[in-house]
């Protein structure tokens, strides 16, 4: 491995780690904001959407408007799905524990694998199917622990949010020739537009909520998103996914530290099952990719001789 490649990987790891640290208080900030979910969705969508558009402008420069038009109808669909996912995510955090929400959302790659098989007819390897079955068993365990506890509706919202974000990933994969970053910004702006048309008063916010809203919409979401985007250019997707899994334990940790909300034993067991499965699956995927790369290099070397 060359020195430049090692430095690139080191930068990618550092950037991805910082991105997760910045993103991890997302659930805590949603909890600290006292306004109703509709008002929160408005400001979360408006501020993060505008900030991500600014990121696109800096990144694309002269091709900015061309990039916006290039997402087309499929980008519009992706934006609508992103907006719906945000709605269910915020409502999940308001109706169940942060740990339950983030544990279920950790299963987004598993939902994505199933949807890729159904809609894109992609071949799913055996270890992925095993991970999907174990991950869904973990979600079932989480639901069993929520029965009679008043948080079942929030868990269901988290499952819907995970399914929608997985659908967004499948759409982005289907249209991988097009930069779908503007679709993320579109999703935020559409969510803000929708709740505004439903009659929400965006200015009816207590003064103590503004610092949390501004931190969430102008810093946590857009900065972490921008850094994750840079990280994926420096590291292969499996490595980035492995680092992003740190949000699952970090998010509930901040909520526990600030609000004293402790995950239940069932939630901890389900979280260990799902996150452990994802870590094992990602490590296997990394090993398979490295093995295939070595084989391809060996074949190419023998072909040149």
Protein backbone atom coordinates (compact mmCIF):
# COMPACT_ATOMS: atom_id res chain seq x y z
CA UNK A 1 0.00 0.00 0.00
CA UNK A 2 1.49 3.36 -1.03
CA UNK A 3 2.12 6.15 1.46
CA UNK A 4 -0.31 8.46 -0.36
CA UNK A 5 -3.03 5.80 -0.25
CA UNK A 6 -2.43 5.27 3.47
CA UNK A 7 -2.69 9.01 4.09
CA UNK A 8 -5.92 9.15 2.07
CA UNK A 9 -7.40 6.33 4.13
CA UNK A 10 -6.29 8.03 7.35
CA UNK A 11 -7.97 11.26 6.29
CA UNK A 12 -11.11 9.38 5.31
CA UNK A 13 -11.29 7.62 8.69
CA UNK A 14 -10.71 10.85 10.61
CA UNK A 15 -13.29 12.81 8.59
CA UNK A 16 -15.90 10.04 8.95
CA UNK A 17 -15.30 9.78 12.70
CA UNK A 18 -15.70 13.53 13.17
CA UNK A 19 -18.87 13.40 11.03
CA UNK A 20 -20.38 10.77 13.34
CA UNK A 21 -19.46 12.77 16.44
CA UNK A 22 -21.17 15.85 14.97
CA UNK A 23 -24.25 13.87 13.90
CA UNK A 24 -24.65 11.90 17.13
CA UNK A 25 -26.43 14.68 19.15
CA UNK A 26 -29.22 14.77 16.54
CA UNK A 27 -31.60 12.72 18.72
CA UNK A 28 -30.75 14.75 21.81
CA UNK A 29 -31.44 18.06 20.07
CA UNK A 30 -34.80 16.78 18.83
CA UNK A 31 -35.64 15.87 22.42
CA UNK A 32 -34.48 19.22 23.82
CA UNK A 33 -36.61 21.22 21.37
CA UNK A 34 -40.01 21.73 23.00
CA UNK A 35 -42.09 22.79 19.98
CA UNK A 36 -44.55 20.42 18.33
CA UNK A 37 -43.17 17.95 15.73
CA UNK A 38 -44.66 19.89 12.80
CA UNK A 39 -42.85 23.13 13.70
CA UNK A 40 -39.64 21.21 14.29
CA UNK A 41 -39.93 19.48 10.91
CA UNK A 42 -40.41 22.89 9.24
CA UNK A 43 -37.21 24.40 10.65
CA UNK A 44 -35.20 21.19 10.43
CA UNK A 45 -36.12 20.85 6.75
CA UNK A 46 -35.78 24.52 5.80
CA UNK A 47 -32.43 25.16 7.49
CA UNK A 48 -30.75 21.87 6.56
CA UNK A 49 -32.14 22.04 3.00
CA UNK A 50 -30.75 25.54 2.44
CA UNK A 51 -27.40 24.60 4.01
CA UNK A 52 -27.05 21.50 1.82
CA UNK A 53 -27.94 23.56 -1.25
CA UNK A 54 -25.14 25.94 -0.28
CA UNK A 55 -22.83 22.93 -0.02
CA UNK A 56 -23.91 21.87 -3.54
CA UNK A 57 -23.26 25.39 -4.83
CA UNK A 58 -19.72 25.36 -3.42
CA UNK A 59 -19.12 21.85 -4.75
CA UNK A 60 -20.64 22.23 -8.23
CA UNK A 61 -19.98 25.95 -8.85
CA UNK A 62 -20.85 26.70 -12.47
CA UNK A 63 -22.68 23.38 -12.84
CA UNK A 64 -24.96 24.06 -9.87
CA UNK A 65 -28.19 24.65 -11.81
CA UNK A 66 -27.33 21.86 -14.23
CA UNK A 67 -26.92 19.54 -11.25
CA UNK A 68 -30.30 20.54 -9.84
CA UNK A 69 -32.04 19.83 -13.14
CA UNK A 70 -30.15 16.56 -13.64
CA UNK A 71 -31.90 14.80 -10.72
CA UNK A 72 -35.13 14.86 -12.77
CA UNK A 73 -38.29 12.99 -11.75
CA UNK A 74 -36.42 10.30 -9.90
CA UNK A 75 -34.73 12.99 -7.81
CA UNK A 76 -38.13 14.52 -7.06
CA UNK A 77 -39.38 11.11 -5.92
CA UNK A 78 -36.26 10.67 -3.78
CA UNK A 79 -36.85 14.09 -2.24
CA UNK A 80 -40.45 13.26 -1.36
CA UNK A 81 -39.32 9.99 0.25
CA UNK A 82 -36.62 11.85 2.18
CA UNK A 83 -39.21 14.33 3.45
CA UNK A 84 -41.54 11.52 4.58
CA UNK A 85 -38.64 9.76 6.34
CA UNK A 86 -37.88 12.94 8.28
CA UNK A 87 -41.50 13.18 9.41
CA UNK A 88 -41.51 9.63 10.80
CA UNK A 89 -38.04 10.01 12.35
CA UNK A 90 -38.99 13.11 14.33
CA UNK A 91 -42.28 11.56 15.46
CA UNK A 92 -40.48 8.37 16.48
CA UNK A 93 -38.12 10.32 18.74
CA UNK A 94 -41.12 12.03 20.33
CA UNK A 95 -42.99 8.76 21.01
CA UNK A 96 -40.33 6.23 21.99
CA UNK A 97 -36.85 6.20 23.48
CA UNK A 98 -33.92 7.56 21.49
CA UNK A 99 -32.24 4.16 21.87
CA UNK A 100 -35.21 2.36 20.30
CA UNK A 101 -35.31 4.78 17.38
CA UNK A 102 -31.58 4.63 16.64
CA UNK A 103 -31.36 0.85 17.04
CA UNK A 104 -34.13 0.39 14.49
CA UNK A 105 -32.56 2.97 12.15
CA UNK A 106 -29.29 1.05 12.35
CA UNK A 107 -31.07 -1.64 10.32
CA UNK A 108 -31.40 0.67 7.27
CA UNK A 109 -28.67 -1.30 5.39
CA UNK A 110 -30.68 -4.50 5.94
CA UNK A 111 -33.87 -2.95 4.57
CA UNK A 112 -31.82 -1.57 1.69
CA UNK A 113 -30.45 -5.04 0.86
CA UNK A 114 -33.96 -6.52 0.72
CA UNK A 115 -35.31 -3.65 -1.40
CA UNK A 116 -32.33 -3.90 -3.77
CA UNK A 117 -33.17 -7.55 -4.31
CA UNK A 118 -36.86 -6.82 -4.89
CA UNK A 119 -36.65 -3.71 -7.05
CA UNK A 120 -33.19 -3.83 -8.65
CA UNK A 121 -32.96 -7.65 -8.91
CA UNK A 122 -29.49 -7.50 -7.38
CA UNK A 123 -27.90 -10.70 -6.15
CA UNK A 124 -27.73 -10.85 -2.37
CA UNK A 125 -24.98 -13.00 -0.90
CA UNK A 126 -25.67 -15.63 1.74
CA UNK A 127 -24.02 -13.70 4.59
CA UNK A 128 -26.26 -10.71 3.81
CA UNK A 129 -29.42 -12.83 4.01
CA UNK A 130 -28.23 -14.20 7.35
CA UNK A 131 -27.61 -10.64 8.58
CA UNK A 132 -31.08 -9.58 7.39
CA UNK A 133 -32.78 -12.42 9.28
CA UNK A 134 -30.82 -11.75 12.49
CA UNK A 135 -31.38 -7.99 12.21
CA UNK A 136 -35.12 -8.36 11.76
CA UNK A 137 -35.17 -10.74 14.73
CA UNK A 138 -33.57 -7.94 16.74
CA UNK A 139 -36.31 -5.52 15.63
CA UNK A 140 -38.95 -8.11 16.61
CA UNK A 141 -37.30 -8.36 20.04
CA UNK A 142 -37.49 -4.58 20.36
CA UNK A 143 -41.20 -4.60 19.50
CA UNK A 144 -41.84 -7.37 22.02
CA UNK A 145 -40.27 -5.21 24.71
CA UNK A 146 -42.44 -2.23 23.71
CA UNK A 147 -45.78 -4.07 23.91
CA UNK A 148 -47.85 -2.52 26.67
CA UNK A 149 -45.21 0.11 27.32
CA UNK A 150 -46.75 2.93 25.31
CA UNK A 151 -43.82 3.25 22.89
CA UNK A 152 -45.02 0.85 20.19
CA UNK A 153 -46.24 3.69 17.95
CA UNK A 154 -42.83 5.35 18.12
CA UNK A 155 -41.14 2.07 17.22
CA UNK A 156 -43.45 1.69 14.23
CA UNK A 157 -42.57 5.24 13.12
CA UNK A 158 -38.87 4.28 13.31
CA UNK A 159 -39.49 1.19 11.14
CA UNK A 160 -41.29 3.32 8.55
CA UNK A 161 -38.46 5.89 8.63
CA UNK A 162 -35.86 3.13 8.19
CA UNK A 163 -37.83 1.68 5.27
CA UNK A 164 -38.11 5.09 3.61
CA UNK A 165 -34.42 5.90 4.01
CA UNK A 166 -33.58 2.45 2.62
CA UNK A 167 -35.85 3.23 -0.34
CA UNK A 168 -33.99 6.52 -0.85
CA UNK A 169 -30.68 4.61 -0.94
CA UNK A 170 -32.07 2.15 -3.48
CA UNK A 171 -33.27 5.03 -5.68
CA UNK A 172 -29.86 6.71 -5.39
CA UNK A 173 -28.22 3.42 -6.39
CA UNK A 174 -30.61 3.04 -9.32
CA UNK A 175 -29.68 6.55 -10.51
CA UNK A 176 -26.01 6.37 -9.48
CA UNK A 177 -24.92 8.18 -12.63
CA UNK A 178 -26.64 11.29 -11.21
CA UNK A 179 -25.51 13.25 -8.15
CA UNK A 180 -28.42 12.81 -5.72
CA UNK A 181 -27.15 15.25 -3.10
CA UNK A 182 -29.57 17.98 -4.33
CA UNK A 183 -32.41 15.50 -3.75
CA UNK A 184 -31.52 15.45 -0.04
CA UNK A 185 -31.82 19.23 0.08
CA UNK A 186 -35.07 19.01 -1.88
CA UNK A 187 -36.42 16.58 0.70
CA UNK A 188 -35.76 19.04 3.50
CA UNK A 189 -37.37 21.93 1.62
CA UNK A 190 -40.39 19.80 0.65
CA UNK A 191 -40.95 18.77 4.26
CA UNK A 192 -40.88 22.43 5.31
CA UNK A 193 -43.27 23.40 2.50
CA UNK A 194 -45.69 20.59 3.35
CA UNK A 195 -46.03 21.43 7.05
CA UNK A 196 -46.28 25.14 6.23
CA UNK A 197 -49.17 24.44 3.83
CA UNK A 198 -50.79 22.40 6.61
CA UNK A 199 -51.00 25.59 8.66
CA UNK A 200 -48.03 25.41 11.01
CA UNK A 201 -46.90 28.73 12.49
CA UNK A 202 -43.09 28.54 12.16
CA UNK A 203 -42.48 31.61 14.33
CA UNK A 204 -44.39 30.30 17.35
CA UNK A 205 -41.20 29.11 19.03
CA UNK A 206 -40.02 29.75 22.60
CA UNK A 207 -36.77 31.69 22.72
CA UNK A 208 -34.95 28.84 24.51
CA UNK A 209 -35.59 26.53 21.53
CA UNK A 210 -33.82 28.71 18.95
CA UNK A 211 -30.23 27.73 19.84
CA UNK A 212 -31.09 24.03 19.53
CA UNK A 213 -32.99 24.53 16.25
CA UNK A 214 -30.18 26.58 14.70
CA UNK A 215 -27.53 24.11 15.88
CA UNK A 216 -29.50 21.21 14.39
CA UNK A 217 -30.42 22.79 11.07
CA UNK A 218 -27.31 24.86 10.32
CA UNK A 219 -24.54 22.77 11.86
CA UNK A 220 -25.28 19.19 12.93
CA UNK A 221 -27.14 17.99 9.82
CA UNK A 222 -25.42 19.86 6.95
CA UNK A 223 -21.85 19.68 8.32
CA UNK A 224 -22.06 15.97 9.16
CA UNK A 225 -23.63 15.29 5.77
CA UNK A 226 -20.89 17.22 3.96
CA UNK A 227 -18.17 15.37 5.87
CA UNK A 228 -19.77 11.98 5.21
CA UNK A 229 -19.87 12.86 1.51
CA UNK A 230 -16.14 13.65 1.59
CA UNK A 231 -15.47 10.48 3.62
CA UNK A 232 -17.13 8.26 1.03
CA UNK A 233 -14.74 9.63 -1.58
CA UNK A 234 -11.70 8.71 0.49
CA UNK A 235 -12.89 5.36 1.87
CA UNK A 236 -14.85 2.46 0.36
CA UNK A 237 -18.55 2.37 1.33
CA UNK A 238 -18.28 -0.62 3.74
CA UNK A 239 -15.60 1.13 5.81
CA UNK A 240 -17.67 4.32 5.99
CA UNK A 241 -20.76 2.31 6.98
CA UNK A 242 -18.80 0.64 9.76
CA UNK A 243 -17.78 4.02 11.20
CA UNK A 244 -21.31 5.43 10.88
CA UNK A 245 -22.61 2.62 13.10
CA UNK A 246 -21.04 4.47 16.02
CA UNK A 247 -24.07 6.77 15.97
CA UNK A 248 -26.25 3.96 17.36
CA UNK A 249 -24.51 3.84 20.78
CA UNK A 250 -23.45 7.51 20.80
CA UNK A 251 -26.93 8.98 20.21
CA UNK A 252 -28.59 7.28 23.22
CA UNK A 253 -25.48 8.01 25.30
CA UNK A 254 -25.90 11.79 24.86
CA UNK A 255 -29.62 11.51 25.66
CA UNK A 256 -28.84 9.51 28.81
CA UNK A 257 -26.13 11.98 29.83
CA UNK A 258 -28.35 15.05 29.37
CA UNK A 259 -31.83 13.73 30.18
CA UNK A 260 -31.19 10.58 32.20
CA UNK A 261 -33.09 8.35 29.74
CA UNK A 262 -31.75 4.82 30.17
CA UNK A 263 -32.31 2.15 27.52
CA UNK A 264 -34.27 -0.86 28.73
CA UNK A 265 -32.57 -4.28 28.94
CA UNK A 266 -34.59 -5.40 25.91
CA UNK A 267 -33.43 -2.39 23.92
CA UNK A 268 -29.81 -3.07 24.88
CA UNK A 269 -30.14 -6.72 23.86
CA UNK A 270 -31.77 -5.81 20.53
CA UNK A 271 -29.16 -3.12 19.93
CA UNK A 272 -26.28 -5.49 20.57
CA UNK A 273 -27.87 -8.06 18.27
CA UNK A 274 -28.49 -5.64 15.39
CA UNK A 275 -25.28 -3.61 15.65
CA UNK A 276 -23.17 -6.73 16.24
CA UNK A 277 -24.71 -8.34 13.17
CA UNK A 278 -24.06 -5.24 11.06
CA UNK A 279 -20.45 -4.99 12.24
CA UNK A 280 -19.84 -8.68 11.45
CA UNK A 281 -21.54 -8.33 8.06
CA UNK A 282 -19.52 -5.24 7.17
CA UNK A 283 -16.23 -6.88 8.18
CA UNK A 284 -17.09 -9.91 6.03
CA UNK A 285 -17.93 -7.60 3.11
CA UNK A 286 -14.59 -5.80 3.52
CA UNK A 287 -12.71 -9.12 3.57
CA UNK A 288 -14.55 -10.36 0.46
CA UNK A 289 -13.84 -7.11 -1.37
CA UNK A 290 -10.13 -7.26 -0.51
CA UNK A 291 -10.00 -10.91 -1.59
CA UNK A 292 -11.68 -10.14 -4.92
CA UNK A 293 -9.34 -7.19 -5.47
CA UNK A 294 -6.29 -9.40 -4.92
CA UNK A 295 -7.69 -12.02 -7.28
CA UNK A 296 -8.33 -9.42 -9.99
CA UNK A 297 -4.82 -8.05 -9.59
CA UNK A 298 -3.38 -11.56 -9.85
CA UNK A 299 -5.42 -12.27 -13.00
CA UNK A 300 -4.37 -8.97 -14.58
CA UNK A 301 -0.71 -9.60 -13.71
CA UNK A 302 -0.78 -13.10 -15.21
CA UNK A 303 -2.52 -11.76 -18.32
CA UNK A 304 0.24 -9.22 -18.93
CA UNK A 305 3.00 -11.81 -18.70
